[in-house]
Amino acid sequence: MATTRGTIEMTAAMAISGTIGAFVVFSNQPVIDVVFWRCVFGAMPLLIACAALGLFRRDIITPRQFLLAVLGGVAIVANWLLLFAAYPLASISIATAVYNTQPFMLVAFGVLFLGERLTVHKLGWLAIAFAGVVLIANGKTGSGGSDYLGGILLSLGAAFFYAIAALVTKQLKGVPPHLIALIRVGVGMLMAAPFAGFSSLPTSLATWGSPAAIGVIHTGLVYILLYGAIQKLPTPLIGALSFIYPVVAILVDFIAFGHRLDTSQLLGAAAILIAAAAMTTGWEPFAKTRLRTGAN
């Protein structure tokens, strides 16, 4: 029963996340403003969730953990800024596909800073993902973006900062994830506020709709669903379900904006997503073959 509920929560969280690019574009706001209002509106449901769970106690988080959470917040806000800026340049589909190189960057950080081993299988998936990025970079530049290669670089930068945030999060074991998310949006408000355009605020309920949805739904609700699912599901299933997000993003980009991937882009996106899924779920297709050969 818990696994079924977790699967539903994870599926909903990833499907909703896949629509965020369309809301960012529809908002027609500067990226810094979108990030600021995402944090403001996202803080509301997270405050309610943290209060309901009794997380506002001094013994919940140590000063060192709080500083680490703030550092992770800086990285995740940089991630949002770069990814949102990439959408109009390279298209939502391409930006999302390239952004999903993040598991490989996290593996690289693990090798460099945590002493983790780099296996032959991981190197193989890394090579496939790199080939995917090359295919996308060589694809048509008229795929809906004004600076195609710039959008790809911004997406890679977003993936880099996401991997930093994930690495920091690994050091926060025992800290409730809802509280980590609240600290992150608080950091985001402080970072974005000095640069946000308060003189040109949305003027109607309709124009407030996209920033509010990005904050309340894509941030507050998604984090609550996601963290609820993570507590109930095994890691391989979490990894597999997380790839609902890029698939939905590519479909939404086609339906909402008519962006089609050419053959090179389609092959590149498929290569990245398959390699990232295999890396995340720990799939080693040649391991059994090697064992059988050794047994003979």
Protein backbone atom coordinates (compact mmCIF):
# COMPACT_ATOMS: atom_id res chain seq x y z
CA MET A 1 0.00 0.00 0.00
CA ALA A 2 2.81 2.43 0.91
CA THR A 3 4.66 1.62 -2.32
CA THR A 4 1.52 2.24 -4.39
CA ARG A 5 0.90 5.58 -2.69
CA GLY A 6 4.56 6.55 -3.11
CA THR A 7 4.44 5.65 -6.80
CA ILE A 8 1.37 7.84 -7.29
CA GLU A 9 3.02 10.74 -5.42
CA MET A 10 6.27 10.43 -7.37
CA THR A 11 4.46 10.15 -10.71
CA ALA A 12 2.37 13.23 -9.95
CA ALA A 13 5.44 15.21 -8.80
CA MET A 14 7.40 14.38 -11.95
CA ALA A 15 4.46 15.01 -14.30
CA ILE A 16 3.83 18.42 -12.73
CA SER A 17 7.56 19.24 -12.88
CA GLY A 18 7.53 18.53 -16.60
CA THR A 19 5.19 21.47 -17.18
CA ILE A 20 7.29 24.13 -15.41
CA GLY A 21 9.08 25.24 -18.58
CA ALA A 22 5.78 26.22 -20.21
CA PHE A 23 4.77 28.25 -17.15
CA VAL A 24 8.14 30.04 -17.14
CA VAL A 25 7.73 30.99 -20.80
CA PHE A 26 4.04 31.92 -20.37
CA SER A 27 4.90 34.20 -17.44
CA ASN A 28 6.74 36.53 -19.86
CA GLN A 29 8.77 37.81 -16.90
CA PRO A 30 12.55 38.26 -16.49
CA VAL A 31 14.18 35.11 -15.14
CA ILE A 32 15.24 36.77 -11.88
CA ASP A 33 11.62 37.83 -11.23
CA VAL A 34 10.34 34.32 -11.93
CA VAL A 35 12.83 32.87 -9.43
CA PHE A 36 11.94 35.47 -6.79
CA TRP A 37 8.19 34.85 -7.01
CA ARG A 38 8.76 31.11 -7.18
CA CYS A 39 10.48 31.35 -3.80
CA VAL A 40 7.84 33.67 -2.31
CA PHE A 41 4.86 31.56 -3.36
CA GLY A 42 6.73 28.28 -2.77
CA ALA A 43 7.49 29.25 0.82
CA MET A 44 3.79 29.35 1.71
CA PRO A 45 2.92 25.63 1.44
CA LEU A 46 6.37 24.69 2.78
CA LEU A 47 5.82 26.86 5.88
CA ILE A 48 2.48 25.15 6.46
CA ALA A 49 4.01 21.68 5.97
CA CYS A 50 6.93 22.38 8.31
CA ALA A 51 4.61 23.79 10.97
CA ALA A 52 2.26 20.81 10.68
CA LEU A 53 5.19 18.40 11.03
CA GLY A 54 6.58 20.26 14.06
CA LEU A 55 9.89 21.10 12.37
CA PHE A 56 10.41 24.54 13.91
CA ARG A 57 12.46 23.27 16.85
CA ARG A 58 16.06 24.09 17.73
CA ASP A 59 17.06 20.44 17.94
CA ILE A 60 15.97 19.74 14.35
CA ILE A 61 19.04 21.27 12.69
CA THR A 62 22.53 22.19 13.92
CA PRO A 63 24.27 25.48 12.99
CA ARG A 64 26.65 23.57 10.68
CA GLN A 65 23.76 21.83 8.96
CA PHE A 66 21.95 25.15 8.57
CA LEU A 67 25.00 26.66 6.85
CA LEU A 68 25.22 23.65 4.55
CA ALA A 69 21.52 24.00 3.73
CA VAL A 70 22.11 27.67 2.88
CA LEU A 71 25.02 26.69 0.61
CA GLY A 72 22.77 24.16 -1.10
CA GLY A 73 20.16 26.90 -1.46
CA VAL A 74 22.64 29.15 -3.28
CA ALA A 75 23.43 26.29 -5.67
CA ILE A 76 19.78 25.41 -6.32
CA VAL A 77 18.87 29.06 -7.00
CA ALA A 78 21.76 29.31 -9.49
CA ASN A 79 20.38 26.11 -11.03
CA TRP A 80 16.92 27.67 -11.46
CA LEU A 81 18.31 30.88 -12.94
CA LEU A 82 20.41 29.08 -15.56
CA LEU A 83 17.76 26.53 -16.51
CA PHE A 84 14.98 29.12 -16.86
CA ALA A 85 17.30 31.29 -18.98
CA ALA A 86 18.02 28.29 -21.22
CA TYR A 87 14.37 27.63 -22.11
CA PRO A 88 13.85 30.48 -24.61
CA LEU A 89 17.31 30.00 -26.12
CA ALA A 90 17.47 26.28 -26.88
CA SER A 91 13.77 25.33 -26.32
CA ILE A 92 12.29 23.55 -23.32
CA SER A 93 12.89 20.11 -24.85
CA ILE A 94 16.60 20.57 -25.51
CA ALA A 95 17.28 22.42 -22.25
CA THR A 96 15.56 19.65 -20.27
CA ALA A 97 17.36 16.85 -22.10
CA VAL A 98 20.81 18.42 -21.60
CA TYR A 99 19.92 19.26 -17.99
CA ASN A 100 19.53 15.54 -17.33
CA THR A 101 23.32 15.11 -17.54
CA GLN A 102 23.22 15.99 -13.82
CA PRO A 103 23.64 12.36 -12.59
CA PHE A 104 27.03 12.20 -14.31
CA MET A 105 28.19 15.42 -12.71
CA LEU A 106 27.11 14.07 -9.33
CA VAL A 107 29.12 10.89 -10.01
CA ALA A 108 32.15 13.03 -10.88
CA PHE A 109 31.78 14.94 -7.60
CA GLY A 110 31.48 11.64 -5.75
CA VAL A 111 34.75 10.42 -7.26
CA LEU A 112 36.56 13.72 -6.58
CA PHE A 113 35.29 14.50 -3.08
CA LEU A 114 33.77 11.35 -1.55
CA GLY A 115 36.23 8.71 -2.71
CA GLU A 116 33.61 6.80 -4.69
CA ARG A 117 34.72 4.35 -7.41
CA LEU A 118 34.17 4.99 -11.12
CA THR A 119 33.15 1.66 -12.67
CA VAL A 120 33.41 0.58 -16.30
CA HIS A 121 29.62 0.68 -16.60
CA LYS A 122 29.45 4.26 -15.32
CA LEU A 123 32.14 5.29 -17.79
CA GLY A 124 30.16 3.63 -20.58
CA TRP A 125 26.93 5.47 -19.69
CA LEU A 126 28.93 8.70 -19.41
CA ALA A 127 30.30 8.20 -22.93
CA ILE A 128 26.78 7.61 -24.27
CA ALA A 129 25.47 10.75 -22.56
CA PHE A 130 28.38 12.79 -23.90
CA ALA A 131 27.64 11.51 -27.39
CA GLY A 132 24.03 12.62 -26.85
CA VAL A 133 25.13 16.15 -25.98
CA VAL A 134 27.31 16.24 -29.12
CA LEU A 135 24.38 15.09 -31.27
CA ILE A 136 22.16 17.79 -29.79
CA ALA A 137 24.84 20.46 -30.26
CA ASN A 138 25.12 19.46 -33.92
CA GLY A 139 21.35 19.53 -34.40
CA LYS A 140 19.47 22.31 -36.13
CA THR A 141 19.80 25.69 -34.47
CA GLY A 142 16.36 26.83 -35.52
CA SER A 143 14.56 24.73 -32.93
CA GLY A 144 12.74 27.65 -31.33
CA GLY A 145 15.71 29.29 -29.63
CA SER A 146 17.58 32.51 -30.36
CA ASP A 147 20.98 31.29 -29.12
CA TYR A 148 20.96 27.53 -29.41
CA LEU A 149 24.48 26.74 -28.20
CA GLY A 150 24.17 29.33 -25.45
CA GLY A 151 21.04 27.54 -24.23
CA ILE A 152 22.90 24.22 -24.18
CA LEU A 153 25.74 25.73 -22.13
CA LEU A 154 23.26 27.28 -19.68
CA SER A 155 21.56 23.87 -19.30
CA LEU A 156 24.91 22.23 -18.55
CA GLY A 157 25.59 24.97 -16.00
CA ALA A 158 22.19 24.32 -14.40
CA ALA A 159 23.01 20.61 -14.17
CA PHE A 160 26.37 21.45 -12.58
CA PHE A 161 24.76 23.54 -9.83
CA TYR A 162 22.05 20.92 -9.27
CA ALA A 163 24.80 18.34 -8.71
CA ILE A 164 26.43 20.68 -6.16
CA ALA A 165 23.09 21.05 -4.35
CA ALA A 166 22.64 17.27 -4.36
CA LEU A 167 26.17 16.76 -3.02
CA VAL A 168 25.46 19.20 -0.17
CA THR A 169 22.14 17.49 0.55
CA LYS A 170 24.02 14.21 1.07
CA GLN A 171 25.71 15.88 4.04
CA LEU A 172 22.34 16.74 5.61
CA LYS A 173 21.24 13.27 6.67
CA GLY A 174 18.69 13.46 9.43
CA VAL A 175 17.48 16.95 8.51
CA PRO A 176 13.82 16.86 7.39
CA PRO A 177 13.69 17.48 3.61
CA HIS A 178 10.72 19.87 3.92
CA LEU A 179 12.87 22.11 6.13
CA ILE A 180 15.75 21.94 3.64
CA ALA A 181 13.36 23.02 0.87
CA LEU A 182 12.07 25.91 3.00
CA ILE A 183 15.61 27.12 3.70
CA ARG A 184 16.36 26.97 -0.01
CA VAL A 185 13.41 29.13 -1.03
CA GLY A 186 14.28 31.53 1.80
CA VAL A 187 17.81 31.83 0.40
CA GLY A 188 16.29 32.32 -3.05
CA MET A 189 14.18 35.25 -1.87
CA LEU A 190 17.23 36.94 -0.33
CA MET A 191 19.37 36.33 -3.42
CA ALA A 192 16.79 37.46 -5.98
CA ALA A 193 15.13 40.36 -4.12
CA PRO A 194 17.85 42.97 -4.84
CA PHE A 195 17.56 42.31 -8.59
CA ALA A 196 13.82 41.68 -8.98
CA GLY A 197 11.80 44.23 -10.96
CA PHE A 198 9.23 45.42 -8.44
CA SER A 199 8.43 48.44 -10.62
CA SER A 200 6.90 46.22 -13.33
CA LEU A 201 4.81 43.73 -11.37
CA PRO A 202 2.11 41.63 -13.08
CA THR A 203 -1.02 43.77 -13.31
CA SER A 204 -3.85 41.22 -13.39
CA LEU A 205 -4.92 37.95 -11.84
CA ALA A 206 -4.10 36.18 -15.11
CA THR A 207 -0.53 37.49 -15.26
CA TRP A 208 0.00 36.56 -11.60
CA GLY A 209 -1.16 33.02 -12.43
CA SER A 210 2.11 31.67 -13.85
CA PRO A 211 4.42 32.94 -11.04
CA ALA A 212 1.92 31.74 -8.43
CA ALA A 213 1.63 28.30 -10.05
CA ILE A 214 5.42 27.96 -10.32
CA GLY A 215 5.72 28.72 -6.61
CA VAL A 216 2.71 26.99 -5.05
CA ILE A 217 2.41 24.01 -7.40
CA HIS A 218 5.82 23.42 -8.99
CA THR A 219 7.74 24.20 -5.81
CA GLY A 220 5.63 23.76 -2.66
CA LEU A 221 3.31 20.96 -3.81
CA VAL A 222 5.95 19.14 -5.85
CA TYR A 223 8.45 19.12 -2.98
CA ILE A 224 5.81 17.81 -0.56
CA LEU A 225 4.77 15.04 -3.00
CA LEU A 226 8.37 14.23 -3.86
CA TYR A 227 9.62 13.94 -0.29
CA GLY A 228 6.57 11.92 0.68
CA ALA A 229 7.32 9.49 -2.17
CA ILE A 230 11.04 9.22 -1.36
CA GLN A 231 10.18 7.97 2.13
CA LYS A 232 8.07 5.14 0.70
CA LEU A 233 9.93 3.95 -2.43
CA PRO A 234 13.14 1.99 -3.10
CA THR A 235 15.92 3.98 -4.79
CA PRO A 236 15.78 2.19 -8.20
CA LEU A 237 12.05 2.94 -8.52
CA ILE A 238 12.61 6.59 -7.56
CA GLY A 239 15.29 6.82 -10.25
CA ALA A 240 13.08 5.24 -12.89
CA LEU A 241 10.04 7.42 -12.13
CA SER A 242 12.14 10.60 -12.16
CA PHE A 243 12.43 10.31 -15.95
CA ILE A 244 8.73 11.04 -16.32
CA TYR A 245 9.80 14.69 -15.93
CA PRO A 246 11.86 15.09 -19.13
CA VAL A 247 9.39 13.04 -21.18
CA VAL A 248 6.50 15.27 -20.08
CA ALA A 249 8.61 18.40 -20.70
CA ILE A 250 9.34 17.34 -24.28
CA LEU A 251 5.64 16.56 -24.90
CA VAL A 252 4.52 19.88 -23.39
CA ASP A 253 7.06 21.76 -25.50
CA PHE A 254 5.63 20.15 -28.64
CA ILE A 255 1.97 20.63 -27.68
CA ALA A 256 2.27 24.20 -26.35
CA PHE A 257 4.90 25.64 -28.70
CA GLY A 258 5.12 23.20 -31.63
CA HIS A 259 8.83 22.55 -31.10
CA ARG A 260 9.89 19.39 -32.94
CA LEU A 261 13.22 17.69 -32.42
CA ASP A 262 15.14 16.83 -35.59
CA THR A 263 16.70 13.36 -35.96
CA SER A 264 20.03 14.37 -34.42
CA GLN A 265 18.36 16.09 -31.47
CA LEU A 266 15.96 13.19 -30.92
CA LEU A 267 18.80 10.65 -30.91
CA GLY A 268 20.85 12.88 -28.60
CA ALA A 269 17.99 13.39 -26.15
CA ALA A 270 17.26 9.64 -26.14
CA ALA A 271 20.93 8.83 -25.52
CA ILE A 272 21.15 11.24 -22.56
CA LEU A 273 17.90 10.09 -20.96
CA ILE A 274 18.61 6.36 -21.41
CA ALA A 275 22.16 6.73 -20.06
CA ALA A 276 21.00 8.87 -17.13
CA ALA A 277 18.20 6.42 -16.30
CA ALA A 278 20.64 3.50 -16.42
CA MET A 279 23.11 5.35 -14.21
CA THR A 280 20.45 6.36 -11.70
CA THR A 281 18.93 2.89 -11.43
CA GLY A 282 22.32 1.13 -11.39
CA TRP A 283 21.65 -0.92 -14.52
CA GLU A 284 24.71 -2.96 -15.54
CA PRO A 285 23.66 -4.90 -18.66
CA PHE A 286 26.94 -6.78 -19.10
CA ALA A 287 27.48 -7.85 -15.50
CA LYS A 288 25.59 -11.14 -15.83
CA THR A 289 27.32 -11.92 -19.11
CA ARG A 290 30.70 -11.48 -17.47
CA LEU A 291 29.73 -13.74 -14.57
CA ARG A 292 28.54 -16.49 -16.92
CA THR A 293 31.77 -16.30 -18.92
CA GLY A 294 33.79 -16.59 -15.74
CA ALA A 295 31.73 -19.59 -14.59
CA ASN A 296 32.44 -21.47 -17.80
